[in-house]
Amino acid sequence: MSISFDKALGIHEKALDFRAQRAEVLANNIANADTPNYKARDLDFKTVLAQQAAKGQGGFATERTHARHIASEGLELADPALRFRTPAQPSLDQNTVDLQIEQSSYAQNAIDFQASFTLLNSKFRGLMTALRGE
């Protein structure tokens, strides 16, 4: 009998990957807080979760309603979860980074990362206990 890590770990592995990607995007925003015309970005967790759920169910199919329509097979858009952040207050240099929001988002993401890591670690401990037969 084999162990399927996808079934055992569930979405927690993907959540950890998402948190790491989001930390990178938020750190990039913080680093470019003083760059003119820089547009702040963020990852949308709901979109990523929907993508992962669609992959598990086979996704959805598109239908061509006219012979001159372009087929969608093989077309891959940029990451749809990566969105530009709407600024709360306009800036003279057109930079949309609000440093306080970015720092608080980064801190919240770090807490969420630690929670996901702890949950994933407990899943591995449970698997190890099952393998040992304890």
C-alpha atoms as a PDB file:
ATOM      1  CA  MET A   1       0.000   0.000   0.000  1.00  0.00           C
ATOM      2  CA  SER A   2       1.516   3.325  -1.045  1.00  0.00           C
ATOM      3  CA  ILE A   3       1.089   6.734   0.553  1.00  0.00           C
ATOM      4  CA  SER A   4      -0.148   9.554  -1.639  1.00  0.00           C
ATOM      5  CA  PHE A   5       1.402  12.790  -0.386  1.00  0.00           C
ATOM      6  CA  ASP A   6      -1.139  14.824  -2.368  1.00  0.00           C
ATOM      7  CA  LYS A   7      -3.998  13.212  -0.454  1.00  0.00           C
ATOM      8  CA  ALA A   8      -2.188  13.197   2.878  1.00  0.00           C
ATOM      9  CA  LEU A   9      -1.014  16.811   2.806  1.00  0.00           C
ATOM     10  CA  GLY A  10      -3.974  18.288   0.982  1.00  0.00           C
ATOM     11  CA  ILE A  11      -3.830  21.937   0.026  1.00  0.00           C
ATOM     12  CA  HIS A  12      -1.376  22.830   2.802  1.00  0.00           C
ATOM     13  CA  GLU A  13       1.684  22.286   0.602  1.00  0.00           C
ATOM     14  CA  LYS A  14       0.271  24.645  -2.038  1.00  0.00           C
ATOM     15  CA  ALA A  15      -0.646  27.188   0.657  1.00  0.00           C
ATOM     16  CA  LEU A  16       2.962  27.200   1.844  1.00  0.00           C
ATOM     17  CA  ASP A  17       4.172  27.817  -1.725  1.00  0.00           C
ATOM     18  CA  PHE A  18       1.651  30.633  -2.092  1.00  0.00           C
ATOM     19  CA  ARG A  19       2.785  32.279   1.135  1.00  0.00           C
ATOM     20  CA  ALA A  20       6.415  32.160  -0.031  1.00  0.00           C
ATOM     21  CA  GLN A  21       5.493  33.722  -3.407  1.00  0.00           C
ATOM     22  CA  ARG A  22       3.426  36.406  -1.700  1.00  0.00           C
ATOM     23  CA  ALA A  23       6.312  37.251   0.649  1.00  0.00           C
ATOM     24  CA  GLU A  24       8.504  37.781  -2.414  1.00  0.00           C
ATOM     25  CA  VAL A  25       5.950  40.089  -4.074  1.00  0.00           C
ATOM     26  CA  LEU A  26       5.411  42.108  -0.874  1.00  0.00           C
ATOM     27  CA  ALA A  27       9.158  42.428  -0.280  1.00  0.00           C
ATOM     28  CA  ASN A  28       9.508  43.692  -3.850  1.00  0.00           C
ATOM     29  CA  ASN A  29       6.834  46.306  -3.150  1.00  0.00           C
ATOM     30  CA  ILE A  30       8.628  47.451   0.006  1.00  0.00           C
ATOM     31  CA  ALA A  31      11.956  47.646  -1.828  1.00  0.00           C
ATOM     32  CA  ASN A  32      10.401  49.850  -4.521  1.00  0.00           C
ATOM     33  CA  ALA A  33       8.523  52.204  -2.189  1.00  0.00           C
ATOM     34  CA  ASP A  34      10.525  55.193  -3.472  1.00  0.00           C
ATOM     35  CA  THR A  35      10.670  54.206  -7.156  1.00  0.00           C
ATOM     36  CA  PRO A  36       8.693  56.631  -9.368  1.00  0.00           C
ATOM     37  CA  ASN A  37       5.848  55.053 -11.379  1.00  0.00           C
ATOM     38  CA  TYR A  38       6.165  51.716  -9.561  1.00  0.00           C
ATOM     39  CA  LYS A  39       2.826  49.938  -9.205  1.00  0.00           C
ATOM     40  CA  ALA A  40       2.328  47.843  -6.074  1.00  0.00           C
ATOM     41  CA  ARG A  41       1.154  44.271  -6.626  1.00  0.00           C
ATOM     42  CA  ASP A  42      -0.250  41.516  -4.466  1.00  0.00           C
ATOM     43  CA  LEU A  43      -1.333  37.902  -4.842  1.00  0.00           C
ATOM     44  CA  ASP A  44      -5.008  37.055  -4.417  1.00  0.00           C
ATOM     45  CA  PHE A  45      -5.412  33.933  -2.283  1.00  0.00           C
ATOM     46  CA  LYS A  46      -8.958  33.270  -3.517  1.00  0.00           C
ATOM     47  CA  THR A  47      -7.760  33.117  -7.125  1.00  0.00           C
ATOM     48  CA  VAL A  48      -4.903  30.763  -6.268  1.00  0.00           C
ATOM     49  CA  LEU A  49      -7.223  28.523  -4.272  1.00  0.00           C
ATOM     50  CA  ALA A  50      -9.727  28.457  -7.150  1.00  0.00           C
ATOM     51  CA  GLN A  51      -6.934  27.541  -9.581  1.00  0.00           C
ATOM     52  CA  GLN A  52      -5.814  24.650  -7.392  1.00  0.00           C
ATOM     53  CA  ALA A  53      -9.394  23.422  -6.999  1.00  0.00           C
ATOM     54  CA  ALA A  54      -9.905  23.604 -10.777  1.00  0.00           C
ATOM     55  CA  LYS A  55      -6.723  21.588 -11.359  1.00  0.00           C
ATOM     56  CA  GLY A  56      -8.047  18.902  -9.035  1.00  0.00           C
ATOM     57  CA  GLN A  57     -11.363  18.730 -10.917  1.00  0.00           C
ATOM     58  CA  GLY A  58      -9.926  18.970 -14.403  1.00  0.00           C
ATOM     59  CA  GLY A  59     -10.661  22.656 -14.867  1.00  0.00           C
ATOM     60  CA  PHE A  60     -13.165  23.988 -17.369  1.00  0.00           C
ATOM     61  CA  ALA A  61     -13.377  23.809 -21.114  1.00  0.00           C
ATOM     62  CA  THR A  62     -13.771  26.739 -23.462  1.00  0.00           C
ATOM     63  CA  GLU A  63     -15.952  26.580 -26.521  1.00  0.00           C
ATOM     64  CA  ARG A  64     -15.406  28.278 -29.871  1.00  0.00           C
ATOM     65  CA  THR A  65     -18.702  29.748 -31.051  1.00  0.00           C
ATOM     66  CA  HIS A  66     -17.375  30.947 -34.406  1.00  0.00           C
ATOM     67  CA  ALA A  67     -14.840  29.459 -36.820  1.00  0.00           C
ATOM     68  CA  ARG A  68     -12.773  32.669 -36.776  1.00  0.00           C
ATOM     69  CA  HIS A  69     -12.340  32.657 -32.982  1.00  0.00           C
ATOM     70  CA  ILE A  70      -8.889  31.853 -31.669  1.00  0.00           C
ATOM     71  CA  ALA A  71      -8.560  28.496 -29.928  1.00  0.00           C
ATOM     72  CA  SER A  72      -7.613  28.746 -26.259  1.00  0.00           C
ATOM     73  CA  GLU A  73      -5.509  25.587 -26.067  1.00  0.00           C
ATOM     74  CA  GLY A  74      -1.905  26.348 -25.267  1.00  0.00           C
ATOM     75  CA  LEU A  75      -2.580  29.988 -24.446  1.00  0.00           C
ATOM     76  CA  GLU A  76      -1.319  30.766 -21.003  1.00  0.00           C
ATOM     77  CA  LEU A  77      -1.909  34.112 -19.409  1.00  0.00           C
ATOM     78  CA  ALA A  78       0.387  35.698 -16.866  1.00  0.00           C
ATOM     79  CA  ASP A  79      -0.382  34.705 -13.307  1.00  0.00           C
ATOM     80  CA  PRO A  80      -4.043  35.758 -12.873  1.00  0.00           C
ATOM     81  CA  ALA A  81      -3.632  35.839  -9.086  1.00  0.00           C
ATOM     82  CA  LEU A  82      -1.033  38.643  -9.316  1.00  0.00           C
ATOM     83  CA  ARG A  83      -3.007  41.870  -9.196  1.00  0.00           C
ATOM     84  CA  PHE A  84      -2.116  45.533  -9.010  1.00  0.00           C
ATOM     85  CA  ARG A  85      -3.041  47.119  -5.709  1.00  0.00           C
ATOM     86  CA  THR A  86      -5.395  50.101  -5.745  1.00  0.00           C
ATOM     87  CA  PRO A  87      -3.789  52.980  -3.833  1.00  0.00           C
ATOM     88  CA  ALA A  88      -5.650  54.539  -0.915  1.00  0.00           C
ATOM     89  CA  GLN A  89      -4.080  57.912  -1.553  1.00  0.00           C
ATOM     90  CA  PRO A  90      -2.609  59.185  -4.849  1.00  0.00           C
ATOM     91  CA  SER A  91       1.091  59.979  -5.064  1.00  0.00           C
ATOM     92  CA  LEU A  92       2.763  62.751  -7.045  1.00  0.00           C
ATOM     93  CA  ASP A  93       5.324  60.366  -8.549  1.00  0.00           C
ATOM     94  CA  GLN A  94       2.595  57.820  -9.509  1.00  0.00           C
ATOM     95  CA  ASN A  95       4.001  55.228  -7.092  1.00  0.00           C
ATOM     96  CA  THR A  96       1.158  53.155  -5.599  1.00  0.00           C
ATOM     97  CA  VAL A  97       3.130  51.610  -2.712  1.00  0.00           C
ATOM     98  CA  ASP A  98       1.793  52.494   0.746  1.00  0.00           C
ATOM     99  CA  LEU A  99       4.641  51.424   3.014  1.00  0.00           C
ATOM    100  CA  GLN A 100       2.479  50.889   6.117  1.00  0.00           C
ATOM    101  CA  ILE A 101       0.037  48.663   4.240  1.00  0.00           C
ATOM    102  CA  GLU A 102       2.894  46.688   2.655  1.00  0.00           C
ATOM    103  CA  GLN A 103       4.624  46.174   6.000  1.00  0.00           C
ATOM    104  CA  SER A 104       1.428  45.053   7.728  1.00  0.00           C
ATOM    105  CA  SER A 105       0.607  42.722   4.824  1.00  0.00           C
ATOM    106  CA  TYR A 106       4.120  41.294   4.997  1.00  0.00           C
ATOM    107  CA  ALA A 107       3.811  40.712   8.757  1.00  0.00           C
ATOM    108  CA  GLN A 108       0.392  39.059   8.334  1.00  0.00           C
ATOM    109  CA  ASN A 109       1.785  36.891   5.541  1.00  0.00           C
ATOM    110  CA  ALA A 110       4.693  35.837   7.786  1.00  0.00           C
ATOM    111  CA  ILE A 111       2.233  34.775  10.495  1.00  0.00           C
ATOM    112  CA  ASP A 112       0.133  32.873   7.923  1.00  0.00           C
ATOM    113  CA  PHE A 113       3.304  31.215   6.569  1.00  0.00           C
ATOM    114  CA  GLN A 114       4.274  30.084  10.059  1.00  0.00           C
ATOM    115  CA  ALA A 115       0.758  28.728  10.669  1.00  0.00           C
ATOM    116  CA  SER A 116       0.793  26.823   7.353  1.00  0.00           C
ATOM    117  CA  PHE A 117       4.259  25.477   8.139  1.00  0.00           C
ATOM    118  CA  THR A 118       3.181  24.324  11.605  1.00  0.00           C
ATOM    119  CA  LEU A 119       0.110  22.606  10.162  1.00  0.00           C
ATOM    120  CA  LEU A 120       2.181  20.902   7.458  1.00  0.00           C
ATOM    121  CA  ASN A 121       4.720  19.832  10.076  1.00  0.00           C
ATOM    122  CA  SER A 122       1.968  18.239  12.177  1.00  0.00           C
ATOM    123  CA  LYS A 123       0.738  16.379   9.081  1.00  0.00           C
ATOM    124  CA  PHE A 124       4.246  14.960   8.566  1.00  0.00           C
ATOM    125  CA  ARG A 125       4.438  13.969  12.230  1.00  0.00           C
ATOM    126  CA  GLY A 126       1.125  12.168  11.849  1.00  0.00           C
ATOM    127  CA  LEU A 127       2.419  10.312   8.775  1.00  0.00           C
ATOM    128  CA  MET A 128       5.585   9.331  10.613  1.00  0.00           C
ATOM    129  CA  THR A 129       3.516   8.020  13.524  1.00  0.00           C
ATOM    130  CA  ALA A 130       1.383   5.999  11.105  1.00  0.00           C
ATOM    131  CA  LEU A 131       4.460   4.554   9.390  1.00  0.00           C
ATOM    132  CA  ARG A 132       6.002   3.528  12.688  1.00  0.00           C
ATOM    133  CA  GLY A 133       2.731   1.870  13.722  1.00  0.00           C
ATOM    134  CA  GLU A 134       2.523   3.650  17.052  1.00  0.00           C
END
